[in-house]
Amino acid sequence: MSTKKSDAAQSTHVRIAITNISGELVFETNSSVADVKSAVAAAIAAKTTLALQDIRGHEIVVAAEKIGFVDIGVAADRRVGFGAV
């Protein structure tokens, strides 16, 4: 029995800063890094809304003109224990 996630099931970590708001939207999505990047670029170019879905099925919608920055990366495995890094 293996508890390690397969590479195919790896999610993408997304962090979106909203202008004039100190907090950030942080979530994980099943979309690839390239898909998220193209969705952000398309929303900013068209001056529409950015709509992404998180791993639980919730939809996150942000107006393109309110996006401060978007940080996209592969979600890191959560490590448990005190083993050597």
C-alpha atoms as a PDB file:
ATOM      1  CA  MET A   1       0.000   0.000   0.000  1.00  0.00           C
ATOM      2  CA  SER A   2       1.515   3.265  -1.099  1.00  0.00           C
ATOM      3  CA  THR A   3       0.494   6.648   0.285  1.00  0.00           C
ATOM      4  CA  LYS A   4       2.546   8.706  -2.175  1.00  0.00           C
ATOM      5  CA  LYS A   5       0.567  10.716  -4.697  1.00  0.00           C
ATOM      6  CA  SER A   6       1.237   9.951  -8.320  1.00  0.00           C
ATOM      7  CA  ASP A   7       2.679  12.690 -10.515  1.00  0.00           C
ATOM      8  CA  ALA A   8      -0.494  12.713 -12.603  1.00  0.00           C
ATOM      9  CA  ALA A   9      -2.583  13.687  -9.572  1.00  0.00           C
ATOM     10  CA  GLN A  10      -0.334  16.574  -8.562  1.00  0.00           C
ATOM     11  CA  SER A  11      -2.119  19.877  -8.148  1.00  0.00           C
ATOM     12  CA  THR A  12      -1.052  23.436  -8.921  1.00  0.00           C
ATOM     13  CA  HIS A  13      -0.692  26.013  -6.143  1.00  0.00           C
ATOM     14  CA  VAL A  14      -2.092  29.470  -7.046  1.00  0.00           C
ATOM     15  CA  ARG A  15      -1.721  32.718  -5.094  1.00  0.00           C
ATOM     16  CA  ILE A  16      -3.500  35.845  -6.372  1.00  0.00           C
ATOM     17  CA  ALA A  17      -2.936  39.292  -4.865  1.00  0.00           C
ATOM     18  CA  ILE A  18      -5.813  41.724  -5.210  1.00  0.00           C
ATOM     19  CA  THR A  19      -5.032  45.442  -5.564  1.00  0.00           C
ATOM     20  CA  ASN A  20      -5.895  47.656  -2.567  1.00  0.00           C
ATOM     21  CA  ILE A  21      -6.521  44.590  -0.360  1.00  0.00           C
ATOM     22  CA  SER A  22      -3.908  43.282   2.056  1.00  0.00           C
ATOM     23  CA  GLY A  23      -5.003  39.631   1.812  1.00  0.00           C
ATOM     24  CA  GLU A  24      -4.383  37.145  -0.978  1.00  0.00           C
ATOM     25  CA  LEU A  25      -6.381  34.335  -2.528  1.00  0.00           C
ATOM     26  CA  VAL A  26      -4.509  31.065  -2.041  1.00  0.00           C
ATOM     27  CA  PHE A  27      -5.815  27.764  -3.381  1.00  0.00           C
ATOM     28  CA  GLU A  28      -4.882  24.589  -5.245  1.00  0.00           C
ATOM     29  CA  THR A  29      -6.298  23.602  -8.612  1.00  0.00           C
ATOM     30  CA  ASN A  30      -6.145  20.511 -10.794  1.00  0.00           C
ATOM     31  CA  SER A  31      -5.315  22.688 -13.821  1.00  0.00           C
ATOM     32  CA  SER A  32      -1.747  22.664 -15.082  1.00  0.00           C
ATOM     33  CA  VAL A  33       0.635  25.598 -14.626  1.00  0.00           C
ATOM     34  CA  ALA A  34       0.371  26.329 -18.365  1.00  0.00           C
ATOM     35  CA  ASP A  35      -3.451  26.350 -18.221  1.00  0.00           C
ATOM     36  CA  VAL A  36      -3.508  28.767 -15.276  1.00  0.00           C
ATOM     37  CA  LYS A  37      -0.918  31.008 -16.923  1.00  0.00           C
ATOM     38  CA  SER A  38      -2.883  31.165 -20.190  1.00  0.00           C
ATOM     39  CA  ALA A  39      -6.161  31.856 -18.345  1.00  0.00           C
ATOM     40  CA  VAL A  40      -4.546  34.751 -16.450  1.00  0.00           C
ATOM     41  CA  ALA A  41      -2.985  36.176 -19.629  1.00  0.00           C
ATOM     42  CA  ALA A  42      -6.271  35.901 -21.545  1.00  0.00           C
ATOM     43  CA  ALA A  43      -8.273  37.589 -18.769  1.00  0.00           C
ATOM     44  CA  ILE A  44      -5.793  40.473 -18.485  1.00  0.00           C
ATOM     45  CA  ALA A  45      -5.582  40.932 -22.278  1.00  0.00           C
ATOM     46  CA  ALA A  46      -9.369  40.913 -22.701  1.00  0.00           C
ATOM     47  CA  LYS A  47      -9.942  42.963 -19.510  1.00  0.00           C
ATOM     48  CA  THR A  48     -12.545  40.447 -18.323  1.00  0.00           C
ATOM     49  CA  THR A  49     -12.760  38.226 -15.261  1.00  0.00           C
ATOM     50  CA  LEU A  50     -10.368  35.429 -14.356  1.00  0.00           C
ATOM     51  CA  ALA A  51     -12.273  32.273 -13.403  1.00  0.00           C
ATOM     52  CA  LEU A  52     -10.440  29.263 -11.948  1.00  0.00           C
ATOM     53  CA  GLN A  53     -11.722  26.165 -10.148  1.00  0.00           C
ATOM     54  CA  ASP A  54     -10.078  24.820  -6.987  1.00  0.00           C
ATOM     55  CA  ILE A  55      -9.588  21.140  -6.140  1.00  0.00           C
ATOM     56  CA  ARG A  56     -12.882  21.061  -4.214  1.00  0.00           C
ATOM     57  CA  GLY A  57     -14.896  22.309  -7.186  1.00  0.00           C
ATOM     58  CA  HIS A  58     -15.355  25.898  -5.988  1.00  0.00           C
ATOM     59  CA  GLU A  59     -14.987  28.584  -8.631  1.00  0.00           C
ATOM     60  CA  ILE A  60     -12.790  31.602  -7.900  1.00  0.00           C
ATOM     61  CA  VAL A  61     -13.613  34.676  -9.987  1.00  0.00           C
ATOM     62  CA  VAL A  62     -11.482  37.849  -9.963  1.00  0.00           C
ATOM     63  CA  ALA A  63     -11.825  40.976 -12.099  1.00  0.00           C
ATOM     64  CA  ALA A  64      -8.713  41.267 -14.283  1.00  0.00           C
ATOM     65  CA  GLU A  65      -8.168  44.938 -13.439  1.00  0.00           C
ATOM     66  CA  LYS A  66      -7.980  44.056  -9.715  1.00  0.00           C
ATOM     67  CA  ILE A  67      -5.198  41.456 -10.099  1.00  0.00           C
ATOM     68  CA  GLY A  68      -1.968  42.662  -8.458  1.00  0.00           C
ATOM     69  CA  PHE A  69       0.094  39.564  -9.206  1.00  0.00           C
ATOM     70  CA  VAL A  70      -0.358  35.828  -9.650  1.00  0.00           C
ATOM     71  CA  ASP A  71       2.069  33.273  -8.196  1.00  0.00           C
ATOM     72  CA  ILE A  72       1.766  29.854  -9.849  1.00  0.00           C
ATOM     73  CA  GLY A  73       3.670  26.720  -8.895  1.00  0.00           C
ATOM     74  CA  VAL A  74       3.401  23.006  -8.358  1.00  0.00           C
ATOM     75  CA  ALA A  75       2.078  22.199  -4.895  1.00  0.00           C
ATOM     76  CA  ALA A  76       4.795  20.712  -2.686  1.00  0.00           C
ATOM     77  CA  ASP A  77       4.319  17.391  -0.929  1.00  0.00           C
ATOM     78  CA  ARG A  78       3.465  17.813   2.711  1.00  0.00           C
ATOM     79  CA  ARG A  79       6.179  16.186   4.762  1.00  0.00           C
ATOM     80  CA  VAL A  80       5.600  14.696   8.171  1.00  0.00           C
ATOM     81  CA  GLY A  81       8.251  13.920  10.773  1.00  0.00           C
ATOM     82  CA  PHE A  82      11.692  15.073  11.747  1.00  0.00           C
ATOM     83  CA  GLY A  83      13.784  13.275   9.126  1.00  0.00           C
ATOM     84  CA  ALA A  84      16.728  14.824   7.346  1.00  0.00           C
ATOM     85  CA  VAL A  85      15.789  17.185   4.555  1.00  0.00           C
END
